């Protein structure tokens, strides 16, 4: 398991073994601009600022060019961290929390703290 830090917000999420960045963010109730979610459109590109990722399947060069890979661009829907990583969303993207996805921390602690 690795940590991913998302800039510019500085939010940190744990990524499970063999879990993609997009899947981990979604599991944490976080969203940003995405498209097909299968590596075919390139809308979910993020800047890899620190760390390393691998891809479960080959990515077509028209979706992610060699130049983009060299610049640290990765597809969050297919990228699986090999280390702790830091990513930055594309300019104009913003991280959003999906309401109702998870219990607020106070509700969760009250529910689990009661004796039955």
PDB file of N, CA and C in Angstrom:
ATOM      1  N   UNK A   1       0.845  -1.187   0.000  1.00  0.00           N
ATOM      2  CA  UNK A   1       0.000   0.000   0.000  1.00  0.00           C
ATOM      3  C   UNK A   1       0.886   1.244   0.000  1.00  0.00           C
ATOM      4  N   UNK A   2       0.458   2.223  -0.779  1.00  0.00           N
ATOM      5  CA  UNK A   2       1.215   3.466  -0.915  1.00  0.00           C
ATOM      6  C   UNK A   2       0.299   4.650  -0.687  1.00  0.00           C
ATOM      7  N   UNK A   3       0.904   5.793  -0.410  1.00  0.00           N
ATOM      8  CA  UNK A   3       0.159   7.038  -0.255  1.00  0.00           C
ATOM      9  C   UNK A   3       0.280   7.852  -1.523  1.00  0.00           C
ATOM     10  N   UNK A   4      -0.815   8.496  -1.909  1.00  0.00           N
ATOM     11  CA  UNK A   4      -0.796   9.461  -2.998  1.00  0.00           C
ATOM     12  C   UNK A   4      -1.233  10.798  -2.417  1.00  0.00           C
ATOM     13  N   UNK A   5      -0.445  11.832  -2.679  1.00  0.00           N
ATOM     14  CA  UNK A   5      -0.783  13.188  -2.268  1.00  0.00           C
ATOM     15  C   UNK A   5      -1.209  13.943  -3.514  1.00  0.00           C
ATOM     16  N   UNK A   6      -2.371  14.601  -3.445  1.00  0.00           N
ATOM     17  CA  UNK A   6      -2.933  15.297  -4.596  1.00  0.00           C
ATOM     18  C   UNK A   6      -2.770  16.798  -4.407  1.00  0.00           C
ATOM     19  N   UNK A   7      -2.028  17.408  -5.335  1.00  0.00           N
ATOM     20  CA  UNK A   7      -1.827  18.853  -5.326  1.00  0.00           C
ATOM     21  C   UNK A   7      -2.839  19.492  -6.268  1.00  0.00           C
ATOM     22  N   UNK A   8      -3.269  20.694  -6.059  1.00  0.00           N
ATOM     23  CA  UNK A   8      -2.732  21.665  -5.113  1.00  0.00           C
ATOM     24  C   UNK A   8      -3.335  21.581  -3.719  1.00  0.00           C
ATOM     25  N   UNK A   9      -4.314  20.670  -3.494  1.00  0.00           N
ATOM     26  CA  UNK A   9      -5.019  20.625  -2.215  1.00  0.00           C
ATOM     27  C   UNK A   9      -4.232  19.989  -1.081  1.00  0.00           C
ATOM     28  N   UNK A  10      -3.249  19.144  -1.402  1.00  0.00           N
ATOM     29  CA  UNK A  10      -2.477  18.471  -0.364  1.00  0.00           C
ATOM     30  C   UNK A  10      -3.215  17.315   0.285  1.00  0.00           C
ATOM     31  N   UNK A  11      -4.299  16.835  -0.336  1.00  0.00           N
ATOM     32  CA  UNK A  11      -5.073  15.711   0.190  1.00  0.00           C
ATOM     33  C   UNK A  11      -4.251  14.437   0.009  1.00  0.00           C
ATOM     34  N   UNK A  12      -4.299  13.565   1.009  1.00  0.00           N
ATOM     35  CA  UNK A  12      -3.558  12.306   0.952  1.00  0.00           C
ATOM     36  C   UNK A  12      -4.540  11.135   1.022  1.00  0.00           C
ATOM     37  N   UNK A  13      -4.314  10.142   0.153  1.00  0.00           N
ATOM     38  CA  UNK A  13      -5.159   8.956   0.074  1.00  0.00           C
ATOM     39  C   UNK A  13      -4.247   7.735   0.019  1.00  0.00           C
ATOM     40  N   UNK A  14      -4.656   6.653   0.653  1.00  0.00           N
ATOM     41  CA  UNK A  14      -3.914   5.399   0.582  1.00  0.00           C
ATOM     42  C   UNK A  14      -4.402   4.599  -0.614  1.00  0.00           C
ATOM     43  N   UNK A  15      -3.451   4.072  -1.363  1.00  0.00           N
ATOM     44  CA  UNK A  15      -3.755   3.269  -2.543  1.00  0.00           C
ATOM     45  C   UNK A  15      -3.432   1.817  -2.217  1.00  0.00           C
ATOM     46  N   UNK A  16      -4.396   0.933  -2.438  1.00  0.00           N
ATOM     47  CA  UNK A  16      -4.200  -0.490  -2.173  1.00  0.00           C
ATOM     48  C   UNK A  16      -3.314  -1.146  -3.213  1.00  0.00           C
ATOM     49  N   UNK A  17      -2.884  -2.349  -2.915  1.00  0.00           N
ATOM     50  CA  UNK A  17      -2.059  -3.119  -3.855  1.00  0.00           C
ATOM     51  C   UNK A  17      -2.809  -3.303  -5.172  1.00  0.00           C
ATOM     52  N   UNK A  18      -2.139  -3.028  -6.285  1.00  0.00           N
ATOM     53  CA  UNK A  18      -2.700  -3.170  -7.634  1.00  0.00           C
ATOM     54  C   UNK A  18      -3.931  -2.303  -7.884  1.00  0.00           C
ATOM     55  N   UNK A  19      -4.118  -1.243  -7.094  1.00  0.00           N
ATOM     56  CA  UNK A  19      -5.248  -0.336  -7.269  1.00  0.00           C
ATOM     57  C   UNK A  19      -4.794   0.887  -8.069  1.00  0.00           C
ATOM     58  N   UNK A  20      -5.608   1.322  -9.030  1.00  0.00           N
ATOM     59  CA  UNK A  20      -5.260   2.507  -9.808  1.00  0.00           C
ATOM     60  C   UNK A  20      -5.493   3.765  -8.982  1.00  0.00           C
ATOM     61  N   UNK A  21      -4.859   4.849  -9.412  1.00  0.00           N
ATOM     62  CA  UNK A  21      -5.054   6.130  -8.726  1.00  0.00           C
ATOM     63  C   UNK A  21      -6.520   6.519  -8.729  1.00  0.00           C
ATOM     64  N   UNK A  22      -7.165   6.424  -9.881  1.00  0.00           N
ATOM     65  CA  UNK A  22      -8.561   6.810  -9.991  1.00  0.00           C
ATOM     66  C   UNK A  22      -9.451   5.987  -9.071  1.00  0.00           C
ATOM     67  N   UNK A  23      -9.210   4.686  -8.998  1.00  0.00           N
ATOM     68  CA  UNK A  23     -10.000   3.813  -8.129  1.00  0.00           C
ATOM     69  C   UNK A  23      -9.810   4.186  -6.656  1.00  0.00           C
ATOM     70  N   UNK A  24      -8.583   4.480  -6.258  1.00  0.00           N
ATOM     71  CA  UNK A  24      -8.313   4.847  -4.864  1.00  0.00           C
ATOM     72  C   UNK A  24      -8.993   6.170  -4.500  1.00  0.00           C
ATOM     73  N   UNK A  25      -8.932   7.144  -5.402  1.00  0.00           N
ATOM     74  CA  UNK A  25      -9.581   8.428  -5.134  1.00  0.00           C
ATOM     75  C   UNK A  25     -11.084   8.252  -5.055  1.00  0.00           C
ATOM     76  N   UNK A  26     -11.639   7.467  -5.942  1.00  0.00           N
ATOM     77  CA  UNK A  26     -13.074   7.205  -5.939  1.00  0.00           C
ATOM     78  C   UNK A  26     -13.492   6.504  -4.646  1.00  0.00           C
ATOM     79  N   UNK A  27     -12.697   5.520  -4.219  1.00  0.00           N
ATOM     80  CA  UNK A  27     -12.985   4.811  -2.968  1.00  0.00           C
ATOM     81  C   UNK A  27     -12.991   5.759  -1.781  1.00  0.00           C
ATOM     82  N   UNK A  28     -12.148   6.791  -1.834  1.00  0.00           N
ATOM     83  CA  UNK A  28     -12.072   7.782  -0.750  1.00  0.00           C
ATOM     84  C   UNK A  28     -13.166   8.849  -0.871  1.00  0.00           C
ATOM     85  N   UNK A  29     -14.031   8.733  -1.891  1.00  0.00           N
ATOM     86  CA  UNK A  29     -15.119   9.688  -2.059  1.00  0.00           C
ATOM     87  C   UNK A  29     -14.688  10.972  -2.738  1.00  0.00           C
ATOM     88  N   UNK A  30     -13.599  10.928  -3.500  1.00  0.00           N
ATOM     89  CA  UNK A  30     -13.072  12.109  -4.174  1.00  0.00           C
ATOM     90  C   UNK A  30     -13.246  11.981  -5.680  1.00  0.00           C
ATOM     91  N   UNK A  31     -13.547  13.102  -6.324  1.00  0.00           N
ATOM     92  CA  UNK A  31     -13.745  13.119  -7.771  1.00  0.00           C
ATOM     93  C   UNK A  31     -13.023  14.303  -8.387  1.00  0.00           C
ATOM     94  N   UNK A  32     -12.711  14.195  -9.658  1.00  0.00           N
ATOM     95  CA  UNK A  32     -12.220  15.290 -10.489  1.00  0.00           C
ATOM     96  C   UNK A  32     -12.581  14.921 -11.922  1.00  0.00           C
ATOM     97  N   UNK A  33     -12.130  15.673 -12.884  1.00  0.00           N
ATOM     98  CA  UNK A  33     -12.529  15.455 -14.275  1.00  0.00           C
ATOM     99  C   UNK A  33     -11.990  14.122 -14.790  1.00  0.00           C
ATOM    100  N   UNK A  34     -12.883  13.250 -15.237  1.00  0.00           N
ATOM    101  CA  UNK A  34     -12.509  11.971 -15.841  1.00  0.00           C
ATOM    102  C   UNK A  34     -13.382  11.731 -17.064  1.00  0.00           C
ATOM    103  N   UNK A  35     -12.982  10.771 -17.876  1.00  0.00           N
ATOM    104  CA  UNK A  35     -13.733  10.441 -19.077  1.00  0.00           C
ATOM    105  C   UNK A  35     -14.149   8.991 -19.088  1.00  0.00           C
ATOM    106  N   UNK A  36     -13.520   8.206 -19.975  1.00  0.00           N
ATOM    107  CA  UNK A  36     -13.941   6.824 -20.224  1.00  0.00           C
ATOM    108  C   UNK A  36     -13.586   5.859 -19.092  1.00  0.00           C
ATOM    109  N   UNK A  37     -12.610   6.170 -18.273  1.00  0.00           N
ATOM    110  CA  UNK A  37     -12.149   5.348 -17.145  1.00  0.00           C
ATOM    111  C   UNK A  37     -11.503   4.034 -17.574  1.00  0.00           C
ATOM    112  N   UNK A  38     -11.028   3.950 -18.835  1.00  0.00           N
ATOM    113  CA  UNK A  38     -10.404   2.712 -19.298  1.00  0.00           C
ATOM    114  C   UNK A  38      -9.146   2.950 -20.126  1.00  0.00           C
ATOM    115  N   UNK A  39      -8.620   4.174 -20.107  1.00  0.00           N
ATOM    116  CA  UNK A  39      -7.359   4.458 -20.784  1.00  0.00           C
ATOM    117  C   UNK A  39      -7.466   4.813 -22.245  1.00  0.00           C
ATOM    118  N   UNK A  40      -8.665   5.160 -22.720  1.00  0.00           N
ATOM    119  CA  UNK A  40      -8.837   5.439 -24.130  1.00  0.00           C
ATOM    120  C   UNK A  40      -8.990   6.889 -24.514  1.00  0.00           C
ATOM    121  N   UNK A  41      -9.221   7.784 -23.537  1.00  0.00           N
ATOM    122  CA  UNK A  41      -9.516   9.179 -23.901  1.00  0.00           C
ATOM    123  C   UNK A  41      -8.459  10.185 -23.439  1.00  0.00           C
ATOM    124  N   UNK A  42      -7.791   9.923 -22.326  1.00  0.00           N
ATOM    125  CA  UNK A  42      -6.757  10.829 -21.837  1.00  0.00           C
ATOM    126  C   UNK A  42      -7.253  11.981 -20.989  1.00  0.00           C
ATOM    127  N   UNK A  43      -8.546  12.040 -20.696  1.00  0.00           N
ATOM    128  CA  UNK A  43      -9.087  13.159 -19.917  1.00  0.00           C
ATOM    129  C   UNK A  43      -8.565  13.150 -18.481  1.00  0.00           C
ATOM    130  N   UNK A  44      -8.251  11.984 -17.943  1.00  0.00           N
ATOM    131  CA  UNK A  44      -7.837  11.861 -16.535  1.00  0.00           C
ATOM    132  C   UNK A  44      -6.339  12.063 -16.324  1.00  0.00           C
ATOM    133  N   UNK A  45      -5.653  12.664 -17.282  1.00  0.00           N
ATOM    134  CA  UNK A  45      -4.207  12.868 -17.143  1.00  0.00           C
ATOM    135  C   UNK A  45      -3.901  13.745 -15.932  1.00  0.00           C
ATOM    136  N   UNK A  46      -2.864  13.362 -15.210  1.00  0.00           N
ATOM    137  CA  UNK A  46      -2.350  14.138 -14.083  1.00  0.00           C
ATOM    138  C   UNK A  46      -0.837  14.219 -14.225  1.00  0.00           C
ATOM    139  N   UNK A  47      -0.256  15.190 -13.540  1.00  0.00           N
ATOM    140  CA  UNK A  47       1.198  15.358 -13.542  1.00  0.00           C
ATOM    141  C   UNK A  47       1.778  14.570 -12.376  1.00  0.00           C
ATOM    142  N   UNK A  48       2.655  13.630 -12.662  1.00  0.00           N
ATOM    143  CA  UNK A  48       3.346  12.865 -11.622  1.00  0.00           C
ATOM    144  C   UNK A  48       4.541  13.693 -11.176  1.00  0.00           C
ATOM    145  N   UNK A  49       4.469  14.273  -9.979  1.00  0.00           N
ATOM    146  CA  UNK A  49       5.512  15.156  -9.471  1.00  0.00           C
ATOM    147  C   UNK A  49       6.617  14.387  -8.747  1.00  0.00           C
ATOM    148  N   UNK A  50       6.254  13.257  -8.130  1.00  0.00           N
ATOM    149  CA  UNK A  50       7.205  12.487  -7.344  1.00  0.00           C
ATOM    150  C   UNK A  50       6.746  11.040  -7.296  1.00  0.00           C
ATOM    151  N   UNK A  51       7.657  10.102  -7.456  1.00  0.00           N
ATOM    152  CA  UNK A  51       7.338   8.683  -7.353  1.00  0.00           C
ATOM    153  C   UNK A  51       7.244   8.015  -8.709  1.00  0.00           C
ATOM    154  N   UNK A  52       6.839   6.745  -8.683  1.00  0.00           N
ATOM    155  CA  UNK A  52       6.772   5.930  -9.900  1.00  0.00           C
ATOM    156  C   UNK A  52       5.445   5.187  -9.970  1.00  0.00           C
ATOM    157  N   UNK A  53       4.972   4.997 -11.211  1.00  0.00           N
ATOM    158  CA  UNK A  53       3.760   4.223 -11.460  1.00  0.00           C
ATOM    159  C   UNK A  53       4.033   3.209 -12.568  1.00  0.00           C
ATOM    160  N   UNK A  54       3.148   2.231 -12.659  1.00  0.00           N
ATOM    161  CA  UNK A  54       3.168   1.274 -13.767  1.00  0.00           C
ATOM    162  C   UNK A  54       1.749   1.213 -14.321  1.00  0.00           C
ATOM    163  N   UNK A  55       1.627   0.599 -15.488  1.00  0.00           N
ATOM    164  CA  UNK A  55       0.315   0.462 -16.114  1.00  0.00           C
ATOM    165  C   UNK A  55      -0.060  -1.001 -16.212  1.00  0.00           C
ATOM    166  N   UNK A  56      -1.330  -1.320 -15.884  1.00  0.00           N
ATOM    167  CA  UNK A  56      -1.832  -2.691 -15.943  1.00  0.00           C
ATOM    168  C   UNK A  56      -1.858  -3.199 -17.382  1.00  0.00           C
ATOM    169  N   UNK A  57      -2.155  -2.296 -18.314  1.00  0.00           N
ATOM    170  CA  UNK A  57      -2.236  -2.634 -19.734  1.00  0.00           C
ATOM    171  C   UNK A  57      -1.487  -1.577 -20.523  1.00  0.00           C
ATOM    172  N   UNK A  58      -1.064  -1.905 -21.739  1.00  0.00           N
ATOM    173  CA  UNK A  58      -0.406  -0.891 -22.578  1.00  0.00           C
ATOM    174  C   UNK A  58      -1.334   0.291 -22.846  1.00  0.00           C
ATOM    175  N   UNK A  59      -0.751   1.487 -22.932  1.00  0.00           N
ATOM    176  CA  UNK A  59      -1.497   2.709 -23.223  1.00  0.00           C
ATOM    177  C   UNK A  59      -1.140   3.129 -24.647  1.00  0.00           C
ATOM    178  N   UNK A  60      -2.153   3.397 -25.457  1.00  0.00           N
ATOM    179  CA  UNK A  60      -1.927   3.786 -26.852  1.00  0.00           C
ATOM    180  C   UNK A  60      -1.158   5.104 -26.914  1.00  0.00           C
ATOM    181  N   UNK A  61      -0.189   5.218 -27.833  1.00  0.00           N
ATOM    182  CA  UNK A  61       0.616   6.437 -27.943  1.00  0.00           C
ATOM    183  C   UNK A  61      -0.205   7.676 -28.306  1.00  0.00           C
ATOM    184  N   UNK A  62      -1.363   7.506 -28.945  1.00  0.00           N
ATOM    185  CA  UNK A  62      -2.194   8.675 -29.237  1.00  0.00           C
ATOM    186  C   UNK A  62      -2.922   9.186 -27.992  1.00  0.00           C
ATOM    187  N   UNK A  63      -2.978   8.378 -26.932  1.00  0.00           N
ATOM    188  CA  UNK A  63      -3.590   8.798 -25.662  1.00  0.00           C
ATOM    189  C   UNK A  63      -2.524   9.365 -24.724  1.00  0.00           C
ATOM    190  N   UNK A  64      -1.350   8.735 -24.662  1.00  0.00           N
ATOM    191  CA  UNK A  64      -0.256   9.179 -23.806  1.00  0.00           C
ATOM    192  C   UNK A  64       1.047   9.014 -24.594  1.00  0.00           C
ATOM    193  N   UNK A  65       1.554  10.124 -25.083  1.00  0.00           N
ATOM    194  CA  UNK A  65       2.748  10.080 -25.937  1.00  0.00           C
ATOM    195  C   UNK A  65       4.023   9.843 -25.117  1.00  0.00           C
ATOM    196  N   UNK A  66       5.082   9.464 -25.813  1.00  0.00           N
ATOM    197  CA  UNK A  66       6.379   9.301 -25.152  1.00  0.00           C
ATOM    198  C   UNK A  66       6.830  10.612 -24.521  1.00  0.00           C
ATOM    199  N   UNK A  67       6.610  11.736 -25.211  1.00  0.00           N
ATOM    200  CA  UNK A  67       6.977  13.044 -24.661  1.00  0.00           C
ATOM    201  C   UNK A  67       6.229  13.329 -23.366  1.00  0.00           C
ATOM    202  N   UNK A  68       4.933  12.997 -23.317  1.00  0.00           N
ATOM    203  CA  UNK A  68       4.155  13.204 -22.092  1.00  0.00           C
ATOM    204  C   UNK A  68       4.685  12.321 -20.965  1.00  0.00           C
ATOM    205  N   UNK A  69       5.011  11.095 -21.265  1.00  0.00           N
ATOM    206  CA  UNK A  69       5.560  10.188 -20.241  1.00  0.00           C
ATOM    207  C   UNK A  69       6.859  10.754 -19.669  1.00  0.00           C
ATOM    208  N   UNK A  70       7.718  11.272 -20.556  1.00  0.00           N
ATOM    209  CA  UNK A  70       8.986  11.872 -20.121  1.00  0.00           C
ATOM    210  C   UNK A  70       8.722  13.084 -19.227  1.00  0.00           C
ATOM    211  N   UNK A  71       7.679  13.846 -19.538  1.00  0.00           N
ATOM    212  CA  UNK A  71       7.327  15.033 -18.748  1.00  0.00           C
ATOM    213  C   UNK A  71       6.648  14.671 -17.429  1.00  0.00           C
ATOM    214  N   UNK A  72       6.347  13.382 -17.218  1.00  0.00           N
ATOM    215  CA  UNK A  72       5.724  12.958 -15.965  1.00  0.00           C
ATOM    216  C   UNK A  72       4.214  12.927 -16.004  1.00  0.00           C
ATOM    217  N   UNK A  73       3.619  12.986 -17.178  1.00  0.00           N
ATOM    218  CA  UNK A  73       2.168  12.895 -17.285  1.00  0.00           C
ATOM    219  C   UNK A  73       1.782  11.423 -17.175  1.00  0.00           C
ATOM    220  N   UNK A  74       0.702  11.143 -16.442  1.00  0.00           N
ATOM    221  CA  UNK A  74       0.220   9.766 -16.360  1.00  0.00           C
ATOM    222  C   UNK A  74      -1.302   9.747 -16.428  1.00  0.00           C
ATOM    223  N   UNK A  75      -1.841   8.599 -16.786  1.00  0.00           N
ATOM    224  CA  UNK A  75      -3.297   8.399 -16.824  1.00  0.00           C
ATOM    225  C   UNK A  75      -3.727   7.823 -15.486  1.00  0.00           C
ATOM    226  N   UNK A  76      -4.507   8.566 -14.732  1.00  0.00           N
ATOM    227  CA  UNK A  76      -4.886   8.112 -13.397  1.00  0.00           C
ATOM    228  C   UNK A  76      -5.803   6.894 -13.419  1.00  0.00           C
ATOM    229  N   UNK A  77      -6.518   6.682 -14.530  1.00  0.00           N
ATOM    230  CA  UNK A  77      -7.414   5.524 -14.596  1.00  0.00           C
ATOM    231  C   UNK A  77      -6.663   4.212 -14.775  1.00  0.00           C
ATOM    232  N   UNK A  78      -5.390   4.275 -15.175  1.00  0.00           N
ATOM    233  CA  UNK A  78      -4.598   3.069 -15.411  1.00  0.00           C
ATOM    234  C   UNK A  78      -3.324   2.989 -14.578  1.00  0.00           C
ATOM    235  N   UNK A  79      -2.893   4.114 -14.012  1.00  0.00           N
ATOM    236  CA  UNK A  79      -1.628   4.152 -13.271  1.00  0.00           C
ATOM    237  C   UNK A  79      -1.767   3.496 -11.900  1.00  0.00           C
ATOM    238  N   UNK A  80      -0.865   2.554 -11.635  1.00  0.00           N
ATOM    239  CA  UNK A  80      -0.796   1.860 -10.344  1.00  0.00           C
ATOM    240  C   UNK A  80       0.530   2.258  -9.699  1.00  0.00           C
ATOM    241  N   UNK A  81       0.500   2.863  -8.497  1.00  0.00           N
ATOM    242  CA  UNK A  81       1.748   3.302  -7.861  1.00  0.00           C
ATOM    243  C   UNK A  81       2.699   2.157  -7.534  1.00  0.00           C
ATOM    244  N   UNK A  82       3.989   2.430  -7.731  1.00  0.00           N
ATOM    245  CA  UNK A  82       5.059   1.523  -7.313  1.00  0.00           C
ATOM    246  C   UNK A  82       5.763   2.057  -6.072  1.00  0.00           C
ATOM    247  N   UNK A  83       5.478   3.312  -5.720  1.00  0.00           N
ATOM    248  CA  UNK A  83       6.057   4.005  -4.559  1.00  0.00           C
ATOM    249  C   UNK A  83       4.994   4.966  -4.037  1.00  0.00           C
ATOM    250  N   UNK A  84       5.276   5.638  -2.921  1.00  0.00           N
ATOM    251  CA  UNK A  84       4.448   6.777  -2.538  1.00  0.00           C
ATOM    252  C   UNK A  84       4.596   7.805  -3.654  1.00  0.00           C
ATOM    253  N   UNK A  85       3.511   8.477  -4.010  1.00  0.00           N
ATOM    254  CA  UNK A  85       3.583   9.429  -5.111  1.00  0.00           C
ATOM    255  C   UNK A  85       2.922  10.753  -4.758  1.00  0.00           C
ATOM    256  N   UNK A  86       3.287  11.764  -5.527  1.00  0.00           N
ATOM    257  CA  UNK A  86       2.648  13.083  -5.464  1.00  0.00           C
ATOM    258  C   UNK A  86       2.203  13.384  -6.884  1.00  0.00           C
ATOM    259  N   UNK A  87       0.913  13.719  -7.038  1.00  0.00           N
ATOM    260  CA  UNK A  87       0.386  14.091  -8.347  1.00  0.00           C
ATOM    261  C   UNK A  87      -0.209  15.489  -8.268  1.00  0.00           C
ATOM    262  N   UNK A  88      -0.297  16.126  -9.418  1.00  0.00           N
ATOM    263  CA  UNK A  88      -0.950  17.431  -9.501  1.00  0.00           C
ATOM    264  C   UNK A  88      -2.008  17.348 -10.586  1.00  0.00           C
ATOM    265  N   UNK A  89      -3.211  17.821 -10.257  1.00  0.00           N
ATOM    266  CA  UNK A  89      -4.294  17.821 -11.225  1.00  0.00           C
ATOM    267  C   UNK A  89      -3.988  18.796 -12.345  1.00  0.00           C
ATOM    268  N   UNK A  90      -4.614  18.599 -13.504  1.00  0.00           N
ATOM    269  CA  UNK A  90      -4.439  19.506 -14.623  1.00  0.00           C
ATOM    270  C   UNK A  90      -4.978  20.888 -14.254  1.00  0.00           C
ATOM    271  N   UNK A  91      -4.427  21.906 -14.892  1.00  0.00           N
ATOM    272  CA  UNK A  91      -4.883  23.268 -14.654  1.00  0.00           C
ATOM    273  C   UNK A  91      -6.384  23.345 -14.923  1.00  0.00           C
ATOM    274  N   UNK A  92      -7.102  23.929 -14.004  1.00  0.00           N
ATOM    275  CA  UNK A  92      -8.548  24.053 -14.123  1.00  0.00           C
ATOM    276  C   UNK A  92      -9.319  22.928 -13.454  1.00  0.00           C
ATOM    277  N   UNK A  93      -8.672  21.787 -13.178  1.00  0.00           N
ATOM    278  CA  UNK A  93      -9.338  20.694 -12.464  1.00  0.00           C
ATOM    279  C   UNK A  93      -9.367  21.007 -10.982  1.00  0.00           C
ATOM    280  N   UNK A  94     -10.373  20.470 -10.323  1.00  0.00           N
ATOM    281  CA  UNK A  94     -10.416  20.607  -8.876  1.00  0.00           C
ATOM    282  C   UNK A  94     -10.939  19.316  -8.266  1.00  0.00           C
ATOM    283  N   UNK A  95     -10.438  19.023  -7.099  1.00  0.00           N
ATOM    284  CA  UNK A  95     -10.824  17.834  -6.355  1.00  0.00           C
ATOM    285  C   UNK A  95     -12.132  18.136  -5.639  1.00  0.00           C
ATOM    286  N   UNK A  96     -13.097  17.227  -5.731  1.00  0.00           N
ATOM    287  CA  UNK A  96     -14.380  17.402  -5.059  1.00  0.00           C
ATOM    288  C   UNK A  96     -14.667  16.180  -4.205  1.00  0.00           C
ATOM    289  N   UNK A  97     -15.264  16.415  -3.065  1.00  0.00           N
ATOM    290  CA  UNK A  97     -15.714  15.307  -2.222  1.00  0.00           C
ATOM    291  C   UNK A  97     -17.155  15.011  -2.598  1.00  0.00           C
ATOM    292  N   UNK A  98     -17.443  13.731  -2.828  1.00  0.00           N
ATOM    293  CA  UNK A  98     -18.791  13.320  -3.178  1.00  0.00           C
ATOM    294  C   UNK A  98     -19.575  13.180  -1.882  1.00  0.00           C
ATOM    295  N   UNK A  99     -20.636  13.967  -1.756  1.00  0.00           N
ATOM    296  CA  UNK A  99     -21.443  13.941  -0.535  1.00  0.00           C
ATOM    297  C   UNK A  99     -22.195  12.629  -0.415  1.00  0.00           C
ATOM    298  N   UNK A 100     -22.319  12.162   0.832  1.00  0.00           N
ATOM    299  CA  UNK A 100     -23.061  10.948   1.092  1.00  0.00           C
ATOM    300  C   UNK A 100     -22.298   9.677   0.778  1.00  0.00           C
ATOM    301  N   UNK A 101     -21.045   9.803   0.348  1.00  0.00           N
ATOM    302  CA  UNK A 101     -20.274   8.619  -0.014  1.00  0.00           C
ATOM    303  C   UNK A 101     -19.795   7.877   1.224  1.00  0.00           C
ATOM    304  N   UNK A 102     -19.410   8.619   2.243  1.00  0.00           N
ATOM    305  CA  UNK A 102     -18.870   8.008   3.456  1.00  0.00           C
ATOM    306  C   UNK A 102     -19.503   8.668   4.679  1.00  0.00           C
ATOM    307  N   UNK A 103     -19.463   7.986   5.791  1.00  0.00           N
ATOM    308  CA  UNK A 103     -19.963   8.574   7.022  1.00  0.00           C
ATOM    309  C   UNK A 103     -19.063   9.706   7.464  1.00  0.00           C
ATOM    310  N   UNK A 104     -19.621  10.802   7.968  1.00  0.00           N
ATOM    311  CA  UNK A 104     -18.759  11.810   8.594  1.00  0.00           C
ATOM    312  C   UNK A 104     -18.038  11.154   9.773  1.00  0.00           C
ATOM    313  N   UNK A 105     -16.863  11.630  10.088  1.00  0.00           N
ATOM    314  CA  UNK A 105     -16.068  10.987  11.136  1.00  0.00           C
ATOM    315  C   UNK A 105     -16.791  10.961  12.481  1.00  0.00           C
ATOM    316  N   UNK A 106     -17.562  11.996  12.803  1.00  0.00           N
ATOM    317  CA  UNK A 106     -18.264  12.010  14.088  1.00  0.00           C
ATOM    318  C   UNK A 106     -19.366  10.957  14.116  1.00  0.00           C
ATOM    319  N   UNK A 107     -20.092  10.787  13.013  1.00  0.00           N
ATOM    320  CA  UNK A 107     -21.152   9.786  12.976  1.00  0.00           C
ATOM    321  C   UNK A 107     -20.563   8.384  13.062  1.00  0.00           C
ATOM    322  N   UNK A 108     -19.454   8.166  12.383  1.00  0.00           N
ATOM    323  CA  UNK A 108     -18.825   6.850  12.405  1.00  0.00           C
ATOM    324  C   UNK A 108     -18.341   6.508  13.806  1.00  0.00           C
ATOM    325  N   UNK A 109     -17.744   7.480  14.494  1.00  0.00           N
ATOM    326  CA  UNK A 109     -17.225   7.186  15.822  1.00  0.00           C
ATOM    327  C   UNK A 109     -18.367   6.982  16.819  1.00  0.00           C
ATOM    328  N   UNK A 110     -19.484   7.723  16.665  1.00  0.00           N
ATOM    329  CA  UNK A 110     -20.628   7.537  17.564  1.00  0.00           C
ATOM    330  C   UNK A 110     -21.263   6.174  17.343  1.00  0.00           C
ATOM    331  N   UNK A 111     -21.364   5.759  16.084  1.00  0.00           N
ATOM    332  CA  UNK A 111     -21.979   4.474  15.784  1.00  0.00           C
ATOM    333  C   UNK A 111     -21.147   3.326  16.340  1.00  0.00           C
ATOM    334  N   UNK A 112     -19.852   3.400  16.177  1.00  0.00           N
ATOM    335  CA  UNK A 112     -18.980   2.312  16.628  1.00  0.00           C
ATOM    336  C   UNK A 112     -18.673   2.384  18.120  1.00  0.00           C
ATOM    337  N   UNK A 113     -18.886   3.536  18.713  1.00  0.00           N
ATOM    338  CA  UNK A 113     -18.545   3.695  20.120  1.00  0.00           C
ATOM    339  C   UNK A 113     -19.623   3.245  21.073  1.00  0.00           C
ATOM    340  N   UNK A 114     -20.851   2.992  20.599  1.00  0.00           N
ATOM    341  CA  UNK A 114     -21.963   2.601  21.461  1.00  0.00           C
ATOM    342  C   UNK A 114     -21.890   1.121  21.786  1.00  0.00           C
ATOM    343  N   UNK A 115     -22.231   0.805  23.032  1.00  0.00           N
ATOM    344  CA  UNK A 115     -22.343  -0.592  23.418  1.00  0.00           C
ATOM    345  C   UNK A 115     -23.742  -1.062  23.056  1.00  0.00           C
ATOM    346  N   UNK A 116     -23.826  -2.259  22.531  1.00  0.00           N
ATOM    347  CA  UNK A 116     -25.130  -2.795  22.130  1.00  0.00           C
ATOM    348  C   UNK A 116     -25.621  -3.745  23.173  1.00  0.00           C
TER     349      UNK A 116
END
